Amino acid sequence: MNIWLQGFLIGVGLSVVLIVFEYTAINRELAERSKRLAKKVEKDSNQISRMRGMITFGMVLPFGCSIGAWLISKM
């Protein structure tokens, strides 16, 4: 398999894991705050920007991993 493709697939796997982890962490935080206040709470701007940042990082990570894998293979 091409080294670029291997790096890309590794990056996709890492991206999925990081995005899912951040999503569950935000939902856990919302559940704890909702339980403490005894009412349903909505996501605030900080949580929305955290998720947006993680998704953006997750979109860039596969390309960075493919370039990194290629550079490592050239050494």
PDB file of N, CA and C in Angstrom:
ATOM      1  N   MET A   1       0.850  -1.171   0.000  1.00  0.00           N
ATOM      2  CA  MET A   1       0.000   0.000   0.000  1.00  0.00           C
ATOM      3  C   MET A   1       0.901   1.241   0.000  1.00  0.00           C
ATOM      4  N   ASN A   2       0.466   2.244  -0.674  1.00  0.00           N
ATOM      5  CA  ASN A   2       1.220   3.488  -0.775  1.00  0.00           C
ATOM      6  C   ASN A   2       1.373   4.135   0.611  1.00  0.00           C
ATOM      7  N   ILE A   3       2.543   4.686   0.882  1.00  0.00           N
ATOM      8  CA  ILE A   3       2.824   5.265   2.192  1.00  0.00           C
ATOM      9  C   ILE A   3       1.934   6.478   2.461  1.00  0.00           C
ATOM     10  N   TRP A   4       1.590   7.234   1.415  1.00  0.00           N
ATOM     11  CA  TRP A   4       0.687   8.372   1.586  1.00  0.00           C
ATOM     12  C   TRP A   4      -0.682   7.891   2.081  1.00  0.00           C
ATOM     13  N   LEU A   5      -1.149   6.804   1.472  1.00  0.00           N
ATOM     14  CA  LEU A   5      -2.461   6.272   1.833  1.00  0.00           C
ATOM     15  C   LEU A   5      -2.451   5.715   3.256  1.00  0.00           C
ATOM     16  N   GLN A   6      -1.377   5.051   3.639  1.00  0.00           N
ATOM     17  CA  GLN A   6      -1.279   4.537   4.998  1.00  0.00           C
ATOM     18  C   GLN A   6      -1.328   5.669   6.015  1.00  0.00           C
ATOM     19  N   GLY A   7      -0.559   6.710   5.772  1.00  0.00           N
ATOM     20  CA  GLY A   7      -0.572   7.853   6.678  1.00  0.00           C
ATOM     21  C   GLY A   7      -1.931   8.523   6.740  1.00  0.00           C
ATOM     22  N   PHE A   8      -2.585   8.622   5.590  1.00  0.00           N
ATOM     23  CA  PHE A   8      -3.909   9.230   5.540  1.00  0.00           C
ATOM     24  C   PHE A   8      -4.913   8.416   6.347  1.00  0.00           C
ATOM     25  N   LEU A   9      -4.878   7.091   6.191  1.00  0.00           N
ATOM     26  CA  LEU A   9      -5.818   6.231   6.915  1.00  0.00           C
ATOM     27  C   LEU A   9      -5.556   6.255   8.418  1.00  0.00           C
ATOM     28  N   ILE A  10      -4.301   6.315   8.806  1.00  0.00           N
ATOM     29  CA  ILE A  10      -3.978   6.443  10.229  1.00  0.00           C
ATOM     30  C   ILE A  10      -4.523   7.761  10.763  1.00  0.00           C
ATOM     31  N   GLY A  11      -4.357   8.827   9.998  1.00  0.00           N
ATOM     32  CA  GLY A  11      -4.885  10.132  10.397  1.00  0.00           C
ATOM     33  C   GLY A  11      -6.398  10.140  10.504  1.00  0.00           C
ATOM     34  N   VAL A  12      -7.070   9.451   9.590  1.00  0.00           N
ATOM     35  CA  VAL A  12      -8.538   9.366   9.654  1.00  0.00           C
ATOM     36  C   VAL A  12      -8.964   8.632  10.922  1.00  0.00           C
ATOM     37  N   GLY A  13      -8.272   7.549  11.238  1.00  0.00           N
ATOM     38  CA  GLY A  13      -8.595   6.806  12.456  1.00  0.00           C
ATOM     39  C   GLY A  13      -8.406   7.642  13.708  1.00  0.00           C
ATOM     40  N   LEU A  14      -7.298   8.362  13.773  1.00  0.00           N
ATOM     41  CA  LEU A  14      -7.060   9.234  14.919  1.00  0.00           C
ATOM     42  C   LEU A  14      -8.097  10.346  15.001  1.00  0.00           C
ATOM     43  N   SER A  15      -8.459  10.900  13.857  1.00  0.00           N
ATOM     44  CA  SER A  15      -9.457  11.974  13.826  1.00  0.00           C
ATOM     45  C   SER A  15     -10.798  11.498  14.364  1.00  0.00           C
ATOM     46  N   VAL A  16     -11.213  10.328  13.939  1.00  0.00           N
ATOM     47  CA  VAL A  16     -12.498   9.796  14.391  1.00  0.00           C
ATOM     48  C   VAL A  16     -12.481   9.585  15.900  1.00  0.00           C
ATOM     49  N   VAL A  17     -11.399   9.015  16.404  1.00  0.00           N
ATOM     50  CA  VAL A  17     -11.300   8.774  17.848  1.00  0.00           C
ATOM     51  C   VAL A  17     -11.332  10.090  18.621  1.00  0.00           C
ATOM     52  N   LEU A  18     -10.592  11.086  18.172  1.00  0.00           N
ATOM     53  CA  LEU A  18     -10.553  12.370  18.878  1.00  0.00           C
ATOM     54  C   LEU A  18     -11.896  13.092  18.834  1.00  0.00           C
ATOM     55  N   ILE A  19     -12.560  13.057  17.693  1.00  0.00           N
ATOM     56  CA  ILE A  19     -13.855  13.734  17.567  1.00  0.00           C
ATOM     57  C   ILE A  19     -14.905  13.055  18.439  1.00  0.00           C
ATOM     58  N   VAL A  20     -14.923  11.724  18.439  1.00  0.00           N
ATOM     59  CA  VAL A  20     -15.888  10.995  19.272  1.00  0.00           C
ATOM     60  C   VAL A  20     -15.616  11.259  20.751  1.00  0.00           C
ATOM     61  N   PHE A  21     -14.340  11.273  21.140  1.00  0.00           N
ATOM     62  CA  PHE A  21     -14.000  11.550  22.537  1.00  0.00           C
ATOM     63  C   PHE A  21     -14.460  12.946  22.949  1.00  0.00           C
ATOM     64  N   GLU A  22     -14.220  13.930  22.112  1.00  0.00           N
ATOM     65  CA  GLU A  22     -14.624  15.303  22.449  1.00  0.00           C
ATOM     66  C   GLU A  22     -16.151  15.429  22.516  1.00  0.00           C
ATOM     67  N   TYR A  23     -16.857  14.757  21.612  1.00  0.00           N
ATOM     68  CA  TYR A  23     -18.315  14.785  21.599  1.00  0.00           C
ATOM     69  C   TYR A  23     -18.879  14.181  22.887  1.00  0.00           C
ATOM     70  N   THR A  24     -18.324  13.043  23.302  1.00  0.00           N
ATOM     71  CA  THR A  24     -18.811  12.415  24.530  1.00  0.00           C
ATOM     72  C   THR A  24     -18.444  13.247  25.760  1.00  0.00           C
ATOM     73  N   ALA A  25     -17.288  13.891  25.738  1.00  0.00           N
ATOM     74  CA  ALA A  25     -16.903  14.739  26.870  1.00  0.00           C
ATOM     75  C   ALA A  25     -17.844  15.929  27.008  1.00  0.00           C
ATOM     76  N   ILE A  26     -18.216  16.528  25.888  1.00  0.00           N
ATOM     77  CA  ILE A  26     -19.148  17.659  25.936  1.00  0.00           C
ATOM     78  C   ILE A  26     -20.520  17.199  26.411  1.00  0.00           C
ATOM     79  N   ASN A  27     -20.978  16.059  25.917  1.00  0.00           N
ATOM     80  CA  ASN A  27     -22.287  15.553  26.361  1.00  0.00           C
ATOM     81  C   ASN A  27     -22.278  15.200  27.842  1.00  0.00           C
ATOM     82  N   ARG A  28     -21.179  14.647  28.337  1.00  0.00           N
ATOM     83  CA  ARG A  28     -21.062  14.322  29.759  1.00  0.00           C
ATOM     84  C   ARG A  28     -21.094  15.608  30.594  1.00  0.00           C
ATOM     85  N   GLU A  29     -20.405  16.627  30.109  1.00  0.00           N
ATOM     86  CA  GLU A  29     -20.404  17.914  30.804  1.00  0.00           C
ATOM     87  C   GLU A  29     -21.803  18.525  30.837  1.00  0.00           C
ATOM     88  N   LEU A  30     -22.528  18.426  29.730  1.00  0.00           N
ATOM     89  CA  LEU A  30     -23.904  18.937  29.694  1.00  0.00           C
ATOM     90  C   LEU A  30     -24.808  18.171  30.650  1.00  0.00           C
ATOM     91  N   ALA A  31     -24.631  16.856  30.713  1.00  0.00           N
ATOM     92  CA  ALA A  31     -25.463  16.046  31.610  1.00  0.00           C
ATOM     93  C   ALA A  31     -25.197  16.395  33.071  1.00  0.00           C
ATOM     94  N   GLU A  32     -23.928  16.601  33.416  1.00  0.00           N
ATOM     95  CA  GLU A  32     -23.603  16.961  34.797  1.00  0.00           C
ATOM     96  C   GLU A  32     -24.174  18.333  35.164  1.00  0.00           C
ATOM     97  N   ARG A  33     -24.055  19.281  34.250  1.00  0.00           N
ATOM     98  CA  ARG A  33     -24.577  20.625  34.519  1.00  0.00           C
ATOM     99  C   ARG A  33     -26.099  20.603  34.582  1.00  0.00           C
ATOM    100  N   SER A  34     -26.726  19.803  33.725  1.00  0.00           N
ATOM    101  CA  SER A  34     -28.173  19.688  33.721  1.00  0.00           C
ATOM    102  C   SER A  34     -28.671  19.063  35.030  1.00  0.00           C
ATOM    103  N   LYS A  35     -27.938  18.070  35.503  1.00  0.00           N
ATOM    104  CA  LYS A  35     -28.317  17.430  36.763  1.00  0.00           C
ATOM    105  C   LYS A  35     -28.138  18.395  37.930  1.00  0.00           C
ATOM    106  N   ARG A  36     -27.073  19.173  37.916  1.00  0.00           N
ATOM    107  CA  ARG A  36     -26.812  20.117  39.003  1.00  0.00           C
ATOM    108  C   ARG A  36     -27.871  21.226  39.052  1.00  0.00           C
ATOM    109  N   LEU A  37     -28.300  21.704  37.873  1.00  0.00           N
ATOM    110  CA  LEU A  37     -29.288  22.784  37.821  1.00  0.00           C
ATOM    111  C   LEU A  37     -30.722  22.269  37.824  1.00  0.00           C
ATOM    112  N   ALA A  38     -30.893  20.964  37.673  1.00  0.00           N
ATOM    113  CA  ALA A  38     -32.212  20.316  37.675  1.00  0.00           C
ATOM    114  C   ALA A  38     -33.102  20.812  36.544  1.00  0.00           C
ATOM    115  N   LYS A  39     -32.487  21.130  35.409  1.00  0.00           N
ATOM    116  CA  LYS A  39     -33.245  21.474  34.208  1.00  0.00           C
ATOM    117  C   LYS A  39     -32.364  21.225  32.990  1.00  0.00           C
ATOM    118  N   LYS A  40     -32.987  21.121  31.841  1.00  0.00           N
ATOM    119  CA  LYS A  40     -32.245  20.862  30.618  1.00  0.00           C
ATOM    120  C   LYS A  40     -31.481  22.116  30.204  1.00  0.00           C
ATOM    121  N   VAL A  41     -30.198  21.938  29.902  1.00  0.00           N
ATOM    122  CA  VAL A  41     -29.371  23.066  29.480  1.00  0.00           C
ATOM    123  C   VAL A  41     -28.923  22.847  28.040  1.00  0.00           C
ATOM    124  N   GLU A  42     -28.688  23.944  27.361  1.00  0.00           N
ATOM    125  CA  GLU A  42     -28.228  23.919  25.975  1.00  0.00           C
ATOM    126  C   GLU A  42     -26.715  24.094  25.934  1.00  0.00           C
ATOM    127  N   LYS A  43     -26.135  23.771  24.797  1.00  0.00           N
ATOM    128  CA  LYS A  43     -24.698  23.978  24.620  1.00  0.00           C
ATOM    129  C   LYS A  43     -24.408  25.472  24.579  1.00  0.00           C
ATOM    130  N   ASP A  44     -23.338  25.870  25.269  1.00  0.00           N
ATOM    131  CA  ASP A  44     -22.955  27.273  25.221  1.00  0.00           C
ATOM    132  C   ASP A  44     -21.925  27.485  24.112  1.00  0.00           C
ATOM    133  N   SER A  45     -21.540  28.726  23.922  1.00  0.00           N
ATOM    134  CA  SER A  45     -20.648  29.058  22.804  1.00  0.00           C
ATOM    135  C   SER A  45     -19.265  28.426  22.963  1.00  0.00           C
ATOM    136  N   ASN A  46     -18.822  28.232  24.195  1.00  0.00           N
ATOM    137  CA  ASN A  46     -17.528  27.602  24.426  1.00  0.00           C
ATOM    138  C   ASN A  46     -17.527  26.151  23.952  1.00  0.00           C
ATOM    139  N   GLN A  47     -18.578  25.422  24.242  1.00  0.00           N
ATOM    140  CA  GLN A  47     -18.666  24.026  23.830  1.00  0.00           C
ATOM    141  C   GLN A  47     -18.821  23.899  22.320  1.00  0.00           C
ATOM    142  N   ILE A  48     -19.549  24.806  21.719  1.00  0.00           N
ATOM    143  CA  ILE A  48     -19.707  24.781  20.264  1.00  0.00           C
ATOM    144  C   ILE A  48     -18.376  25.066  19.583  1.00  0.00           C
ATOM    145  N   SER A  49     -17.633  26.028  20.106  1.00  0.00           N
ATOM    146  CA  SER A  49     -16.332  26.335  19.496  1.00  0.00           C
ATOM    147  C   SER A  49     -15.326  25.219  19.733  1.00  0.00           C
ATOM    148  N   ARG A  50     -15.406  24.533  20.890  1.00  0.00           N
ATOM    149  CA  ARG A  50     -14.539  23.378  21.125  1.00  0.00           C
ATOM    150  C   ARG A  50     -14.797  22.285  20.096  1.00  0.00           C
ATOM    151  N   MET A  51     -16.057  22.010  19.824  1.00  0.00           N
ATOM    152  CA  MET A  51     -16.397  20.970  18.862  1.00  0.00           C
ATOM    153  C   MET A  51     -16.002  21.388  17.446  1.00  0.00           C
ATOM    154  N   ARG A  52     -16.218  22.646  17.099  1.00  0.00           N
ATOM    155  CA  ARG A  52     -15.836  23.145  15.783  1.00  0.00           C
ATOM    156  C   ARG A  52     -14.322  23.061  15.593  1.00  0.00           C
ATOM    157  N   GLY A  53     -13.576  23.410  16.616  1.00  0.00           N
ATOM    158  CA  GLY A  53     -12.125  23.309  16.548  1.00  0.00           C
ATOM    159  C   GLY A  53     -11.642  21.880  16.396  1.00  0.00           C
ATOM    160  N   MET A  54     -12.280  20.955  17.102  1.00  0.00           N
ATOM    161  CA  MET A  54     -11.885  19.550  16.996  1.00  0.00           C
ATOM    162  C   MET A  54     -12.222  18.989  15.615  1.00  0.00           C
ATOM    163  N   ILE A  55     -13.337  19.380  15.051  1.00  0.00           N
ATOM    164  CA  ILE A  55     -13.700  18.916  13.709  1.00  0.00           C
ATOM    165  C   ILE A  55     -12.731  19.479  12.675  1.00  0.00           C
ATOM    166  N   THR A  56     -12.361  20.747  12.824  1.00  0.00           N
ATOM    167  CA  THR A  56     -11.387  21.337  11.906  1.00  0.00           C
ATOM    168  C   THR A  56     -10.044  20.629  12.007  1.00  0.00           C
ATOM    169  N   PHE A  57      -9.599  20.372  13.226  1.00  0.00           N
ATOM    170  CA  PHE A  57      -8.350  19.640  13.425  1.00  0.00           C
ATOM    171  C   PHE A  57      -8.454  18.236  12.843  1.00  0.00           C
ATOM    172  N   GLY A  58      -9.622  17.608  13.007  1.00  0.00           N
ATOM    173  CA  GLY A  58      -9.834  16.266  12.474  1.00  0.00           C
ATOM    174  C   GLY A  58      -9.820  16.224  10.950  1.00  0.00           C
ATOM    175  N   MET A  59     -10.166  17.329  10.316  1.00  0.00           N
ATOM    176  CA  MET A  59     -10.125  17.367   8.851  1.00  0.00           C
ATOM    177  C   MET A  59      -8.707  17.576   8.332  1.00  0.00           C
ATOM    178  N   VAL A  60      -7.861  18.241   9.103  1.00  0.00           N
ATOM    179  CA  VAL A  60      -6.490  18.535   8.686  1.00  0.00           C
ATOM    180  C   VAL A  60      -5.533  17.399   9.058  1.00  0.00           C
ATOM    181  N   LEU A  61      -5.825  16.697  10.136  1.00  0.00           N
ATOM    182  CA  LEU A  61      -4.932  15.663  10.655  1.00  0.00           C
ATOM    183  C   LEU A  61      -4.580  14.570   9.642  1.00  0.00           C
ATOM    184  N   PRO A  62      -5.513  14.031   8.854  1.00  0.00           N
ATOM    185  CA  PRO A  62      -5.128  12.990   7.891  1.00  0.00           C
ATOM    186  C   PRO A  62      -4.089  13.466   6.870  1.00  0.00           C
ATOM    187  N   PHE A  63      -4.212  14.709   6.434  1.00  0.00           N
ATOM    188  CA  PHE A  63      -3.238  15.225   5.473  1.00  0.00           C
ATOM    189  C   PHE A  63      -1.866  15.396   6.123  1.00  0.00           C
ATOM    190  N   GLY A  64      -1.857  15.852   7.362  1.00  0.00           N
ATOM    191  CA  GLY A  64      -0.601  15.979   8.089  1.00  0.00           C
ATOM    192  C   GLY A  64       0.046  14.627   8.346  1.00  0.00           C
ATOM    193  N   CYS A  65      -0.764  13.631   8.658  1.00  0.00           N
ATOM    194  CA  CYS A  65      -0.222  12.288   8.889  1.00  0.00           C
ATOM    195  C   CYS A  65       0.330  11.685   7.603  1.00  0.00           C
ATOM    196  N   SER A  66      -0.319  11.944   6.477  1.00  0.00           N
ATOM    197  CA  SER A  66       0.189  11.404   5.227  1.00  0.00           C
ATOM    198  C   SER A  66       1.504  12.060   4.857  1.00  0.00           C
ATOM    199  N   ILE A  67       1.638  13.353   5.076  1.00  0.00           N
ATOM    200  CA  ILE A  67       2.907  14.035   4.809  1.00  0.00           C
ATOM    201  C   ILE A  67       3.979  13.554   5.769  1.00  0.00           C
ATOM    202  N   GLY A  68       3.612  13.385   7.048  1.00  0.00           N
ATOM    203  CA  GLY A  68       4.551  12.890   8.041  1.00  0.00           C
ATOM    204  C   GLY A  68       5.031  11.480   7.735  1.00  0.00           C
ATOM    205  N   ALA A  69       4.131  10.622   7.288  1.00  0.00           N
ATOM    206  CA  ALA A  69       4.513   9.250   6.942  1.00  0.00           C
ATOM    207  C   ALA A  69       5.461   9.248   5.742  1.00  0.00           C
ATOM    208  N   TRP A  70       5.188  10.116   4.793  1.00  0.00           N
ATOM    209  CA  TRP A  70       6.061  10.204   3.624  1.00  0.00           C
ATOM    210  C   TRP A  70       7.459  10.694   4.028  1.00  0.00           C
ATOM    211  N   LEU A  71       7.510  11.694   4.906  1.00  0.00           N
ATOM    212  CA  LEU A  71       8.809  12.209   5.359  1.00  0.00           C
ATOM    213  C   LEU A  71       9.589  11.150   6.145  1.00  0.00           C
ATOM    214  N   ILE A  72       8.899  10.400   6.982  1.00  0.00           N
ATOM    215  CA  ILE A  72       9.561   9.355   7.746  1.00  0.00           C
ATOM    216  C   ILE A  72      10.083   8.262   6.817  1.00  0.00           C
ATOM    217  N   SER A  73       9.347   7.950   5.759  1.00  0.00           N
ATOM    218  CA  SER A  73       9.790   6.899   4.832  1.00  0.00           C
ATOM    219  C   SER A  73      11.010   7.325   4.032  1.00  0.00           C
ATOM    220  N   LYS A  74      11.229   8.625   3.887  1.00  0.00           N
ATOM    221  CA  LYS A  74      12.378   9.129   3.127  1.00  0.00           C
ATOM    222  C   LYS A  74      13.660   9.180   3.947  1.00  0.00           C
ATOM    223  N   MET A  75      13.562   8.979   5.254  1.00  0.00           N
ATOM    224  CA  MET A  75      14.747   9.047   6.112  1.00  0.00           C
ATOM    225  C   MET A  75      15.526   7.760   6.063  1.00  0.00           C
TER     226      MET A  75
END
